Amino acid sequence: MKRVIRRTAVAVATAALLPLALTACSDDGKSDSASSDSGKASATATDKATGSDDAGKTDTMDEPFGPACSSVPRSGAGSFDGMAQDPVATAASNNPALSTLVSAVKKAGLVDTLNNAKDITVFAPTNDAFAKIPKATLDKVLADKARLTKILTYHVVGRRLTPKDLEKGSFTTLEKEKLTTSGSGESYTVNDSSKVVCGNVKTANANVYIVDTVLMPGK
């Protein structure tokens, strides 16, 4: 009789515990699922916060652009990576298309000024841009240090400008006069006449926009 009672008690206890065990298992499964959903939500929130749906997506406007960029060497000191390591006057000296500009900067005694400046933008005329100026006029300018300095500092703005800044901008130059920019995408013009042919080139201390016409201050 005692054995029957004990077996009955065990059966009742087992029956009572079984639903609790099943409930506990069910809750564990929900907890894991909730944790997984929470992780997914967190990852989605992170993607939205960074403004990216793909981890590998990059901002193309952070790269150099323009037709003349194709002539820049792919490696070495004159490449985009090489120029990024040097201050702006030194970086320009490694680009054959800017040799006239570099010569003018040396004549004006501005190499150290440009290399030691912090966070500037340089609108750099190509050799072809200088070739548009009649030789007699150019020779006269190159021989006049004060006039040359005025022209060259008119090509420099005292902060780094992004392509977005150039869409519709007016900026005071180191020469103290203003220059204007306009455009969008990969097409920009300075002072309504000089076109950017290779833009957003980075150097150690400057953003460089290579232009096809020398900019002249009004005064």
N, C-alpha and C. Protein backbone atom coordinates (compact mmCIF):
# COMPACT_ATOMS: atom_id res chain seq x y z
N MET A 1 0.83 -1.20 0.00
CA MET A 1 0.00 0.00 0.00
C MET A 1 0.86 1.26 0.00
N LYS A 2 1.93 1.24 0.85
CA LYS A 2 2.84 2.37 0.91
C LYS A 2 3.53 2.59 -0.43
N ARG A 3 3.92 1.47 -1.13
CA ARG A 3 4.58 1.60 -2.44
C ARG A 3 3.65 2.25 -3.46
N VAL A 4 2.36 1.88 -3.43
CA VAL A 4 1.39 2.44 -4.35
C VAL A 4 1.27 3.94 -4.14
N ILE A 5 1.23 4.34 -2.84
CA ILE A 5 1.09 5.76 -2.51
C ILE A 5 2.31 6.54 -3.01
N ARG A 6 3.55 5.95 -2.79
CA ARG A 6 4.77 6.62 -3.22
C ARG A 6 4.80 6.79 -4.74
N ARG A 7 4.43 5.70 -5.48
CA ARG A 7 4.42 5.80 -6.95
C ARG A 7 3.44 6.86 -7.42
N THR A 8 2.29 6.91 -6.77
CA THR A 8 1.27 7.89 -7.13
C THR A 8 1.80 9.32 -6.92
N ALA A 9 2.50 9.52 -5.77
CA ALA A 9 3.04 10.86 -5.44
C ALA A 9 4.09 11.28 -6.44
N VAL A 10 4.96 10.32 -6.85
CA VAL A 10 6.00 10.62 -7.84
C VAL A 10 5.38 11.01 -9.17
N ALA A 11 4.34 10.26 -9.57
CA ALA A 11 3.66 10.53 -10.84
C ALA A 11 3.04 11.91 -10.84
N VAL A 12 2.40 12.27 -9.70
CA VAL A 12 1.77 13.58 -9.59
C VAL A 12 2.81 14.69 -9.68
N ALA A 13 3.93 14.49 -8.95
CA ALA A 13 4.99 15.50 -8.95
C ALA A 13 5.58 15.67 -10.34
N THR A 14 5.79 14.54 -11.04
CA THR A 14 6.34 14.61 -12.40
C THR A 14 5.39 15.34 -13.33
N ALA A 15 4.12 15.04 -13.20
CA ALA A 15 3.11 15.68 -14.03
C ALA A 15 3.07 17.18 -13.78
N ALA A 16 3.26 17.55 -12.50
CA ALA A 16 3.23 18.98 -12.15
C ALA A 16 4.46 19.71 -12.67
N LEU A 17 5.63 19.05 -12.67
CA LEU A 17 6.88 19.69 -13.08
C LEU A 17 7.02 19.77 -14.58
N LEU A 18 6.41 18.84 -15.33
CA LEU A 18 6.59 18.79 -16.78
C LEU A 18 6.16 20.08 -17.48
N PRO A 19 4.98 20.64 -17.17
CA PRO A 19 4.58 21.89 -17.84
C PRO A 19 5.57 23.02 -17.54
N LEU A 20 6.08 23.05 -16.28
CA LEU A 20 7.04 24.11 -15.92
C LEU A 20 8.31 23.99 -16.75
N ALA A 21 8.78 22.76 -16.95
CA ALA A 21 9.99 22.53 -17.73
C ALA A 21 9.78 22.93 -19.19
N LEU A 22 8.61 22.59 -19.73
CA LEU A 22 8.31 22.96 -21.11
C LEU A 22 8.21 24.47 -21.26
N THR A 23 7.61 25.13 -20.25
CA THR A 23 7.50 26.59 -20.28
C THR A 23 8.87 27.23 -20.25
N ALA A 24 9.75 26.68 -19.40
CA ALA A 24 11.11 27.21 -19.29
C ALA A 24 11.84 27.08 -20.61
N CYS A 25 11.71 25.91 -21.28
CA CYS A 25 12.35 25.70 -22.57
C CYS A 25 11.82 26.69 -23.60
N SER A 26 10.49 26.90 -23.54
CA SER A 26 9.87 27.81 -24.49
C SER A 26 10.37 29.23 -24.28
N ASP A 27 10.51 29.64 -22.99
CA ASP A 27 10.99 30.99 -22.68
C ASP A 27 12.42 31.18 -23.15
N ASP A 28 13.26 30.13 -23.00
CA ASP A 28 14.66 30.21 -23.45
C ASP A 28 14.72 30.45 -24.94
N GLY A 29 13.86 29.75 -25.69
CA GLY A 29 13.84 29.91 -27.15
C GLY A 29 13.46 31.31 -27.55
N LYS A 30 12.45 31.87 -26.78
CA LYS A 30 12.03 33.23 -27.09
C LYS A 30 13.13 34.22 -26.78
N SER A 31 13.84 33.97 -25.68
CA SER A 31 14.93 34.87 -25.27
C SER A 31 16.02 34.91 -26.33
N ASP A 32 16.37 33.71 -26.85
CA ASP A 32 17.40 33.66 -27.90
C ASP A 32 16.95 34.41 -29.13
N SER A 33 15.66 34.22 -29.49
CA SER A 33 15.12 34.86 -30.68
C SER A 33 15.11 36.37 -30.50
N ALA A 34 14.70 36.82 -29.27
CA ALA A 34 14.65 38.25 -29.00
C ALA A 34 16.04 38.85 -29.06
N SER A 35 17.00 38.08 -28.51
CA SER A 35 18.39 38.56 -28.53
C SER A 35 18.89 38.72 -29.96
N SER A 36 18.53 37.72 -30.80
CA SER A 36 18.95 37.77 -32.20
C SER A 36 18.32 38.96 -32.91
N ASP A 37 16.97 39.16 -32.65
CA ASP A 37 16.28 40.28 -33.28
C ASP A 37 16.87 41.61 -32.82
N SER A 38 17.23 41.68 -31.52
CA SER A 38 17.81 42.89 -30.97
C SER A 38 19.14 43.20 -31.65
N GLY A 39 19.94 42.13 -31.89
CA GLY A 39 21.24 42.30 -32.55
C GLY A 39 21.06 42.83 -33.95
N LYS A 40 20.04 42.26 -34.67
CA LYS A 40 19.78 42.72 -36.04
C LYS A 40 19.36 44.18 -36.05
N ALA A 41 18.49 44.56 -35.07
CA ALA A 41 18.02 45.94 -34.99
C ALA A 41 19.17 46.88 -34.71
N SER A 42 20.06 46.43 -33.81
CA SER A 42 21.22 47.26 -33.47
C SER A 42 22.11 47.48 -34.68
N ALA A 43 22.34 46.40 -35.45
CA ALA A 43 23.19 46.50 -36.65
C ALA A 43 22.56 47.44 -37.66
N THR A 44 21.20 47.34 -37.82
CA THR A 44 20.51 48.21 -38.76
C THR A 44 20.63 49.66 -38.34
N ALA A 45 20.47 49.90 -37.01
CA ALA A 45 20.58 51.26 -36.49
C ALA A 45 21.97 51.82 -36.73
N THR A 46 22.98 50.97 -36.57
CA THR A 46 24.36 51.40 -36.79
C THR A 46 24.57 51.79 -38.24
N ASP A 47 24.04 50.97 -39.17
CA ASP A 47 24.17 51.28 -40.60
C ASP A 47 23.52 52.61 -40.92
N LYS A 48 22.32 52.85 -40.32
CA LYS A 48 21.63 54.11 -40.59
C LYS A 48 22.39 55.28 -40.03
N ALA A 49 22.97 55.09 -38.84
CA ALA A 49 23.71 56.17 -38.20
C ALA A 49 24.94 56.56 -39.00
N THR A 50 25.56 55.60 -39.64
CA THR A 50 26.76 55.89 -40.43
C THR A 50 26.40 56.31 -41.85
N GLY A 51 25.10 56.24 -42.18
CA GLY A 51 24.68 56.65 -43.51
C GLY A 51 25.06 55.66 -44.58
N SER A 52 25.24 54.39 -44.20
CA SER A 52 25.66 53.40 -45.18
C SER A 52 24.89 52.12 -45.01
N ASP A 53 24.39 51.59 -46.12
CA ASP A 53 23.74 50.29 -46.10
C ASP A 53 24.73 49.20 -46.42
N ASP A 54 25.84 49.55 -47.03
CA ASP A 54 26.88 48.59 -47.37
C ASP A 54 28.18 49.01 -46.73
N ALA A 55 28.82 48.05 -46.04
CA ALA A 55 30.07 48.37 -45.36
C ALA A 55 31.15 48.79 -46.34
N GLY A 56 31.09 48.27 -47.56
CA GLY A 56 32.14 48.57 -48.53
C GLY A 56 31.89 49.80 -49.37
N LYS A 57 30.76 50.50 -49.15
CA LYS A 57 30.43 51.64 -49.99
C LYS A 57 31.28 52.85 -49.60
N THR A 58 31.82 53.59 -50.58
CA THR A 58 32.65 54.76 -50.30
C THR A 58 32.08 55.98 -50.98
N ASP A 59 32.49 57.14 -50.49
CA ASP A 59 32.05 58.40 -51.06
C ASP A 59 32.95 58.76 -52.24
N THR A 60 32.40 58.64 -53.44
CA THR A 60 33.22 58.86 -54.63
C THR A 60 33.69 60.30 -54.74
N MET A 61 32.97 61.25 -54.13
CA MET A 61 33.35 62.64 -54.22
C MET A 61 34.57 62.95 -53.36
N ASP A 62 35.07 61.98 -52.64
CA ASP A 62 36.29 62.18 -51.88
C ASP A 62 37.52 61.88 -52.74
N GLU A 63 37.31 61.43 -53.95
CA GLU A 63 38.41 61.07 -54.86
C GLU A 63 38.68 62.19 -55.86
N PRO A 64 39.90 62.28 -56.38
CA PRO A 64 40.18 63.26 -57.44
C PRO A 64 39.30 63.00 -58.66
N PHE A 65 38.94 64.05 -59.38
CA PHE A 65 38.09 63.91 -60.55
C PHE A 65 38.48 64.93 -61.61
N GLY A 66 38.10 64.65 -62.85
CA GLY A 66 38.35 65.57 -63.94
C GLY A 66 39.20 64.95 -65.03
N PRO A 67 39.09 65.45 -66.26
CA PRO A 67 39.79 64.85 -67.40
C PRO A 67 41.31 64.83 -67.28
N ALA A 68 41.90 65.84 -66.64
CA ALA A 68 43.36 65.90 -66.54
C ALA A 68 43.92 64.95 -65.49
N CYS A 69 43.06 64.38 -64.68
CA CYS A 69 43.53 63.45 -63.65
C CYS A 69 44.13 62.18 -64.27
N SER A 70 43.71 61.87 -65.48
CA SER A 70 44.19 60.64 -66.12
C SER A 70 45.68 60.71 -66.45
N SER A 71 46.24 61.92 -66.51
CA SER A 71 47.66 62.06 -66.83
C SER A 71 48.56 61.99 -65.59
N VAL A 72 47.95 61.92 -64.42
CA VAL A 72 48.74 61.84 -63.19
C VAL A 72 49.32 60.44 -63.04
N PRO A 73 50.62 60.32 -62.73
CA PRO A 73 51.23 58.99 -62.57
C PRO A 73 50.49 58.13 -61.54
N ARG A 74 50.49 56.83 -61.77
CA ARG A 74 49.80 55.92 -60.86
C ARG A 74 50.62 55.61 -59.61
N SER A 75 51.91 55.87 -59.67
CA SER A 75 52.76 55.59 -58.51
C SER A 75 53.89 56.62 -58.45
N GLY A 76 54.57 56.65 -57.32
CA GLY A 76 55.68 57.59 -57.15
C GLY A 76 55.26 58.89 -56.52
N ALA A 77 56.21 59.81 -56.37
CA ALA A 77 55.97 61.08 -55.69
C ALA A 77 54.92 61.94 -56.39
N GLY A 78 54.79 61.79 -57.73
CA GLY A 78 53.84 62.60 -58.48
C GLY A 78 52.44 62.00 -58.57
N SER A 79 52.25 60.83 -58.00
CA SER A 79 50.93 60.19 -58.00
C SER A 79 50.05 60.83 -56.92
N PHE A 80 48.76 60.52 -56.93
CA PHE A 80 47.87 61.06 -55.92
C PHE A 80 48.30 60.63 -54.52
N ASP A 81 48.68 59.37 -54.37
CA ASP A 81 49.14 58.89 -53.07
C ASP A 81 50.43 59.58 -52.66
N GLY A 82 51.32 59.78 -53.62
CA GLY A 82 52.58 60.45 -53.33
C GLY A 82 52.38 61.91 -52.94
N MET A 83 51.52 62.62 -53.67
CA MET A 83 51.25 64.02 -53.37
C MET A 83 50.62 64.20 -52.00
N ALA A 84 49.84 63.22 -51.59
CA ALA A 84 49.17 63.31 -50.29
C ALA A 84 50.16 63.28 -49.13
N GLN A 85 51.37 62.83 -49.38
CA GLN A 85 52.38 62.74 -48.32
C GLN A 85 53.19 64.03 -48.17
N ASP A 86 53.15 64.93 -49.16
CA ASP A 86 53.99 66.12 -49.17
C ASP A 86 53.17 67.40 -49.01
N PRO A 87 53.78 68.47 -48.46
CA PRO A 87 53.10 69.76 -48.44
C PRO A 87 52.93 70.26 -49.87
N VAL A 88 52.04 71.22 -50.05
CA VAL A 88 51.52 71.52 -51.38
C VAL A 88 52.58 71.98 -52.40
N ALA A 89 53.50 72.85 -52.02
CA ALA A 89 54.50 73.31 -52.99
C ALA A 89 55.41 72.17 -53.43
N THR A 90 55.77 71.33 -52.48
CA THR A 90 56.60 70.17 -52.80
C THR A 90 55.83 69.19 -53.68
N ALA A 91 54.57 68.95 -53.34
CA ALA A 91 53.74 68.03 -54.13
C ALA A 91 53.59 68.53 -55.56
N ALA A 92 53.37 69.84 -55.73
CA ALA A 92 53.22 70.41 -57.07
C ALA A 92 54.50 70.25 -57.89
N SER A 93 55.65 70.33 -57.22
CA SER A 93 56.92 70.21 -57.93
C SER A 93 57.12 68.82 -58.53
N ASN A 94 56.36 67.84 -58.05
CA ASN A 94 56.46 66.48 -58.57
C ASN A 94 55.49 66.21 -59.71
N ASN A 95 54.71 67.24 -60.08
CA ASN A 95 53.75 67.11 -61.19
C ASN A 95 54.25 67.92 -62.38
N PRO A 96 54.69 67.27 -63.45
CA PRO A 96 55.26 67.98 -64.62
C PRO A 96 54.31 69.02 -65.21
N ALA A 97 53.01 68.82 -65.09
CA ALA A 97 52.04 69.75 -65.67
C ALA A 97 51.97 71.07 -64.90
N LEU A 98 52.62 71.13 -63.74
CA LEU A 98 52.58 72.34 -62.91
C LEU A 98 53.96 73.00 -62.80
N SER A 99 54.87 72.68 -63.71
CA SER A 99 56.24 73.18 -63.59
C SER A 99 56.34 74.71 -63.69
N THR A 100 55.51 75.33 -64.54
CA THR A 100 55.54 76.79 -64.64
C THR A 100 55.07 77.43 -63.35
N LEU A 101 54.01 76.88 -62.77
CA LEU A 101 53.51 77.37 -61.49
C LEU A 101 54.58 77.26 -60.41
N VAL A 102 55.24 76.12 -60.36
CA VAL A 102 56.27 75.90 -59.35
C VAL A 102 57.41 76.90 -59.53
N SER A 103 57.80 77.16 -60.77
CA SER A 103 58.84 78.14 -61.04
C SER A 103 58.41 79.53 -60.56
N ALA A 104 57.15 79.88 -60.79
CA ALA A 104 56.63 81.19 -60.36
C ALA A 104 56.61 81.29 -58.84
N VAL A 105 56.22 80.20 -58.18
CA VAL A 105 56.19 80.18 -56.70
C VAL A 105 57.59 80.38 -56.13
N LYS A 106 58.57 79.78 -56.77
CA LYS A 106 59.96 79.94 -56.32
C LYS A 106 60.43 81.38 -56.53
N LYS A 107 60.10 81.98 -57.69
CA LYS A 107 60.51 83.36 -57.97
C LYS A 107 59.89 84.33 -56.97
N ALA A 108 58.67 84.03 -56.53
CA ALA A 108 57.98 84.91 -55.57
C ALA A 108 58.41 84.63 -54.13
N GLY A 109 59.20 83.59 -53.93
CA GLY A 109 59.64 83.26 -52.57
C GLY A 109 58.52 82.72 -51.70
N LEU A 110 57.57 82.00 -52.30
CA LEU A 110 56.39 81.53 -51.57
C LEU A 110 56.43 80.04 -51.22
N VAL A 111 57.53 79.36 -51.51
CA VAL A 111 57.58 77.92 -51.26
C VAL A 111 57.34 77.61 -49.79
N ASP A 112 58.08 78.26 -48.91
CA ASP A 112 57.92 77.99 -47.47
C ASP A 112 56.55 78.44 -46.97
N THR A 113 56.08 79.56 -47.50
CA THR A 113 54.76 80.06 -47.09
C THR A 113 53.67 79.02 -47.36
N LEU A 114 53.70 78.46 -48.56
CA LEU A 114 52.69 77.47 -48.93
C LEU A 114 52.90 76.14 -48.21
N ASN A 115 54.13 75.72 -48.10
CA ASN A 115 54.41 74.44 -47.44
C ASN A 115 54.09 74.46 -45.95
N ASN A 116 54.24 75.62 -45.33
CA ASN A 116 54.00 75.71 -43.88
C ASN A 116 52.58 76.11 -43.52
N ALA A 117 51.78 76.49 -44.52
CA ALA A 117 50.40 76.86 -44.24
C ALA A 117 49.61 75.62 -43.80
N LYS A 118 48.56 75.85 -43.04
CA LYS A 118 47.76 74.74 -42.54
C LYS A 118 46.36 74.78 -43.14
N ASP A 119 45.96 73.68 -43.73
CA ASP A 119 44.60 73.52 -44.25
C ASP A 119 44.20 74.66 -45.19
N ILE A 120 44.75 74.64 -46.39
CA ILE A 120 44.44 75.64 -47.40
C ILE A 120 43.91 74.96 -48.66
N THR A 121 43.43 75.78 -49.57
CA THR A 121 43.04 75.30 -50.90
C THR A 121 43.83 76.09 -51.94
N VAL A 122 44.38 75.38 -52.90
CA VAL A 122 45.16 76.02 -53.96
C VAL A 122 44.51 75.71 -55.31
N PHE A 123 44.20 76.77 -56.05
CA PHE A 123 43.75 76.61 -57.44
C PHE A 123 45.00 76.73 -58.29
N ALA A 124 45.45 75.60 -58.82
CA ALA A 124 46.77 75.51 -59.45
C ALA A 124 46.67 75.53 -60.97
N PRO A 125 47.12 76.61 -61.62
CA PRO A 125 47.07 76.67 -63.09
C PRO A 125 48.10 75.71 -63.71
N THR A 126 47.70 75.07 -64.78
CA THR A 126 48.60 74.18 -65.50
C THR A 126 49.59 74.99 -66.34
N ASN A 127 50.57 74.30 -66.90
CA ASN A 127 51.50 74.96 -67.84
C ASN A 127 50.73 75.57 -69.02
N ASP A 128 49.72 74.84 -69.50
CA ASP A 128 48.92 75.35 -70.62
C ASP A 128 48.17 76.62 -70.24
N ALA A 129 47.78 76.72 -68.96
CA ALA A 129 47.09 77.93 -68.49
C ALA A 129 48.02 79.13 -68.58
N PHE A 130 49.26 78.96 -68.15
CA PHE A 130 50.23 80.05 -68.24
C PHE A 130 50.56 80.37 -69.70
N ALA A 131 50.51 79.34 -70.57
CA ALA A 131 50.82 79.54 -71.99
C ALA A 131 49.78 80.41 -72.69
N LYS A 132 48.60 80.55 -72.10
CA LYS A 132 47.57 81.42 -72.68
C LYS A 132 47.94 82.90 -72.54
N ILE A 133 48.82 83.21 -71.60
CA ILE A 133 49.26 84.59 -71.38
C ILE A 133 50.35 84.92 -72.40
N PRO A 134 50.25 86.01 -73.12
CA PRO A 134 51.32 86.38 -74.08
C PRO A 134 52.68 86.36 -73.39
N LYS A 135 53.68 85.82 -74.08
CA LYS A 135 54.99 85.61 -73.48
C LYS A 135 55.60 86.90 -72.90
N ALA A 136 55.45 87.98 -73.61
CA ALA A 136 56.00 89.25 -73.13
C ALA A 136 55.35 89.67 -71.81
N THR A 137 54.04 89.45 -71.72
CA THR A 137 53.31 89.80 -70.49
C THR A 137 53.73 88.88 -69.35
N LEU A 138 53.82 87.57 -69.65
CA LEU A 138 54.21 86.61 -68.64
C LEU A 138 55.62 86.88 -68.12
N ASP A 139 56.54 87.16 -69.03
CA ASP A 139 57.92 87.46 -68.63
C ASP A 139 57.96 88.69 -67.72
N LYS A 140 57.15 89.67 -68.04
CA LYS A 140 57.10 90.90 -67.24
C LYS A 140 56.57 90.61 -65.83
N VAL A 141 55.54 89.79 -65.76
CA VAL A 141 54.95 89.42 -64.46
C VAL A 141 55.96 88.63 -63.63
N LEU A 142 56.63 87.67 -64.27
CA LEU A 142 57.59 86.83 -63.55
C LEU A 142 58.77 87.65 -63.02
N ALA A 143 59.03 88.78 -63.66
CA ALA A 143 60.14 89.63 -63.23
C ALA A 143 59.73 90.64 -62.16
N ASP A 144 58.44 90.75 -61.92
CA ASP A 144 57.91 91.70 -60.93
C ASP A 144 57.44 90.92 -59.71
N LYS A 145 58.26 90.81 -58.68
CA LYS A 145 57.96 89.95 -57.54
C LYS A 145 56.67 90.36 -56.81
N ALA A 146 56.45 91.65 -56.67
CA ALA A 146 55.25 92.12 -55.97
C ALA A 146 53.99 91.72 -56.75
N ARG A 147 54.00 91.96 -58.04
CA ARG A 147 52.85 91.61 -58.88
C ARG A 147 52.65 90.10 -58.93
N LEU A 148 53.75 89.36 -59.05
CA LEU A 148 53.68 87.91 -59.09
C LEU A 148 53.11 87.34 -57.79
N THR A 149 53.56 87.88 -56.67
CA THR A 149 53.06 87.44 -55.36
C THR A 149 51.56 87.70 -55.25
N LYS A 150 51.13 88.84 -55.72
CA LYS A 150 49.70 89.20 -55.69
C LYS A 150 48.87 88.19 -56.49
N ILE A 151 49.36 87.85 -57.68
CA ILE A 151 48.64 86.89 -58.53
C ILE A 151 48.61 85.50 -57.90
N LEU A 152 49.74 85.04 -57.41
CA LEU A 152 49.81 83.69 -56.86
C LEU A 152 48.98 83.54 -55.58
N THR A 153 49.03 84.55 -54.70
CA THR A 153 48.24 84.44 -53.46
C THR A 153 46.75 84.57 -53.72
N TYR A 154 46.40 85.11 -54.90
CA TYR A 154 44.98 85.15 -55.28
C TYR A 154 44.45 83.75 -55.60
N HIS A 155 45.34 82.80 -55.80
CA HIS A 155 44.95 81.42 -56.10
C HIS A 155 44.82 80.57 -54.84
N VAL A 156 44.96 81.17 -53.67
CA VAL A 156 44.97 80.40 -52.42
C VAL A 156 43.87 80.88 -51.47
N VAL A 157 43.10 79.93 -50.95
CA VAL A 157 42.06 80.21 -49.97
C VAL A 157 42.49 79.59 -48.64
N GLY A 158 42.22 80.27 -47.55
CA GLY A 158 42.74 79.86 -46.25
C GLY A 158 42.03 78.74 -45.54
N ARG A 159 41.36 77.89 -46.26
CA ARG A 159 40.78 76.67 -45.67
C ARG A 159 40.61 75.62 -46.76
N ARG A 160 40.43 74.39 -46.34
CA ARG A 160 40.23 73.31 -47.31
C ARG A 160 38.80 73.36 -47.85
N LEU A 161 38.67 73.45 -49.16
CA LEU A 161 37.36 73.48 -49.80
C LEU A 161 37.06 72.12 -50.42
N THR A 162 35.86 71.62 -50.18
CA THR A 162 35.41 70.37 -50.79
C THR A 162 34.68 70.68 -52.09
N PRO A 163 34.46 69.69 -52.94
CA PRO A 163 33.67 69.93 -54.15
C PRO A 163 32.30 70.53 -53.83
N LYS A 164 31.69 70.10 -52.73
CA LYS A 164 30.38 70.64 -52.33
C LYS A 164 30.47 72.14 -52.09
N ASP A 165 31.58 72.59 -51.48
CA ASP A 165 31.78 74.02 -51.23
C ASP A 165 31.82 74.83 -52.52
N LEU A 166 32.29 74.20 -53.60
CA LEU A 166 32.48 74.92 -54.86
C LEU A 166 31.20 75.10 -55.66
N GLU A 167 30.12 74.43 -55.27
CA GLU A 167 28.91 74.46 -56.09
C GLU A 167 28.38 75.88 -56.32
N LYS A 168 28.45 76.68 -55.28
CA LYS A 168 28.09 78.10 -55.42
C LYS A 168 28.78 78.83 -54.29
N GLY A 169 30.03 79.24 -54.52
CA GLY A 169 30.81 79.80 -53.43
C GLY A 169 31.47 81.12 -53.75
N SER A 170 31.79 81.85 -52.68
CA SER A 170 32.55 83.08 -52.77
C SER A 170 33.55 83.06 -51.61
N PHE A 171 34.84 83.12 -51.93
CA PHE A 171 35.86 82.90 -50.91
C PHE A 171 36.92 84.00 -50.94
N THR A 172 37.30 84.46 -49.77
CA THR A 172 38.38 85.44 -49.66
C THR A 172 39.72 84.73 -49.79
N THR A 173 40.56 85.23 -50.65
CA THR A 173 41.87 84.60 -50.90
C THR A 173 42.93 85.20 -49.98
N LEU A 174 44.11 84.62 -50.00
CA LEU A 174 45.21 85.17 -49.21
C LEU A 174 45.61 86.56 -49.72
N GLU A 175 45.27 86.85 -50.96
CA GLU A 175 45.55 88.16 -51.55
C GLU A 175 44.53 89.21 -51.07
N LYS A 176 43.47 88.72 -50.37
CA LYS A 176 42.41 89.54 -49.74
C LYS A 176 41.22 89.81 -50.64
N GLU A 177 41.35 89.59 -51.96
CA GLU A 177 40.19 89.72 -52.82
C GLU A 177 39.43 88.39 -52.86
N LYS A 178 38.18 88.45 -53.32
CA LYS A 178 37.36 87.26 -53.39
C LYS A 178 37.43 86.62 -54.78
N LEU A 179 37.27 85.30 -54.80
CA LEU A 179 37.04 84.58 -56.05
C LEU A 179 35.74 83.81 -55.89
N THR A 180 35.11 83.50 -57.00
CA THR A 180 33.84 82.79 -56.95
C THR A 180 33.94 81.44 -57.67
N THR A 181 33.12 80.51 -57.25
CA THR A 181 33.10 79.18 -57.87
C THR A 181 31.66 78.76 -58.12
N SER A 182 31.49 77.90 -59.10
CA SER A 182 30.15 77.37 -59.39
C SER A 182 30.30 76.03 -60.09
N GLY A 183 29.22 75.24 -60.07
CA GLY A 183 29.23 73.95 -60.75
C GLY A 183 28.61 72.86 -59.91
N SER A 184 28.78 71.63 -60.36
CA SER A 184 28.25 70.47 -59.63
C SER A 184 28.89 69.21 -60.19
N GLY A 185 28.71 68.11 -59.48
CA GLY A 185 29.23 66.83 -59.94
C GLY A 185 30.73 66.85 -60.10
N GLU A 186 31.19 66.76 -61.35
CA GLU A 186 32.62 66.81 -61.64
C GLU A 186 32.96 67.98 -62.56
N SER A 187 32.09 68.99 -62.60
CA SER A 187 32.29 70.15 -63.47
C SER A 187 32.18 71.44 -62.67
N TYR A 188 33.32 72.14 -62.54
CA TYR A 188 33.35 73.38 -61.76
C TYR A 188 34.12 74.47 -62.49
N THR A 189 33.72 75.71 -62.27
CA THR A 189 34.36 76.86 -62.88
C THR A 189 34.70 77.88 -61.80
N VAL A 190 35.86 78.50 -61.95
CA VAL A 190 36.30 79.54 -61.01
C VAL A 190 36.25 80.88 -61.74
N ASN A 191 35.61 81.86 -61.09
CA ASN A 191 35.47 83.21 -61.69
C ASN A 191 34.85 83.17 -63.09
N ASP A 192 33.97 82.22 -63.31
CA ASP A 192 33.24 82.11 -64.58
C ASP A 192 34.13 81.93 -65.80
N SER A 193 35.41 81.62 -65.62
CA SER A 193 36.28 81.51 -66.79
C SER A 193 37.28 80.37 -66.71
N SER A 194 37.74 80.03 -65.53
CA SER A 194 38.77 79.00 -65.37
C SER A 194 38.14 77.69 -64.93
N LYS A 195 38.31 76.66 -65.75
CA LYS A 195 37.67 75.37 -65.46
C LYS A 195 38.59 74.46 -64.64
N VAL A 196 37.99 73.75 -63.70
CA VAL A 196 38.74 72.75 -62.92
C VAL A 196 38.92 71.52 -63.81
N VAL A 197 40.17 71.15 -64.09
CA VAL A 197 40.44 70.00 -64.96
C VAL A 197 40.88 68.77 -64.18
N CYS A 198 41.27 68.96 -62.93
CA CYS A 198 41.54 67.84 -62.04
C CYS A 198 41.33 68.34 -60.62
N GLY A 199 40.24 67.91 -60.01
CA GLY A 199 39.86 68.49 -58.72
C GLY A 199 39.99 67.56 -57.54
N ASN A 200 39.98 68.17 -56.36
CA ASN A 200 39.99 67.44 -55.08
C ASN A 200 41.25 66.58 -54.92
N VAL A 201 42.38 67.13 -55.33
CA VAL A 201 43.67 66.45 -55.15
C VAL A 201 44.18 66.80 -53.75
N LYS A 202 44.50 65.80 -52.96
CA LYS A 202 44.92 66.03 -51.58
C LYS A 202 46.45 66.08 -51.46
N THR A 203 46.92 67.05 -50.69
CA THR A 203 48.32 67.06 -50.27
C THR A 203 48.32 67.07 -48.75
N ALA A 204 49.50 67.06 -48.15
CA ALA A 204 49.56 66.97 -46.69
C ALA A 204 48.89 68.15 -46.00
N ASN A 205 48.87 69.31 -46.65
CA ASN A 205 48.29 70.48 -45.99
C ASN A 205 47.28 71.25 -46.84
N ALA A 206 46.89 70.67 -47.97
CA ALA A 206 45.99 71.43 -48.86
C ALA A 206 45.11 70.53 -49.72
N ASN A 207 44.00 71.11 -50.16
CA ASN A 207 43.21 70.53 -51.25
C ASN A 207 43.57 71.33 -52.50
N VAL A 208 43.84 70.64 -53.59
CA VAL A 208 44.27 71.30 -54.82
C VAL A 208 43.24 71.07 -55.92
N TYR A 209 42.91 72.16 -56.62
CA TYR A 209 42.05 72.09 -57.81
C TYR A 209 42.87 72.64 -58.97
N ILE A 210 43.25 71.77 -59.88
CA ILE A 210 44.07 72.18 -61.03
C ILE A 210 43.15 72.82 -62.07
N VAL A 211 43.50 74.04 -62.51
CA VAL A 211 42.64 74.82 -63.40
C VAL A 211 43.32 75.13 -64.72
N ASP A 212 42.51 75.46 -65.72
CA ASP A 212 43.05 75.63 -67.08
C ASP A 212 43.31 77.08 -67.47
N THR A 213 43.09 78.01 -66.54
CA THR A 213 43.32 79.43 -66.81
C THR A 213 43.84 80.11 -65.55
N VAL A 214 44.85 80.98 -65.72
CA VAL A 214 45.40 81.71 -64.58
C VAL A 214 44.35 82.73 -64.09
N LEU A 215 44.15 82.79 -62.78
CA LEU A 215 43.20 83.72 -62.18
C LEU A 215 43.90 85.06 -61.93
N MET A 216 43.23 86.15 -62.30
CA MET A 216 43.83 87.47 -62.15
C MET A 216 43.01 88.31 -61.17
N PRO A 217 43.65 88.83 -60.12
CA PRO A 217 42.93 89.72 -59.20
C PRO A 217 42.55 91.00 -59.92
N GLY A 218 41.47 91.64 -59.44
CA GLY A 218 40.96 92.81 -60.14
C GLY A 218 41.77 94.06 -59.93
N LYS A 219 42.44 94.16 -58.76
CA LYS A 219 43.15 95.39 -58.45
C LYS A 219 44.59 95.36 -58.92
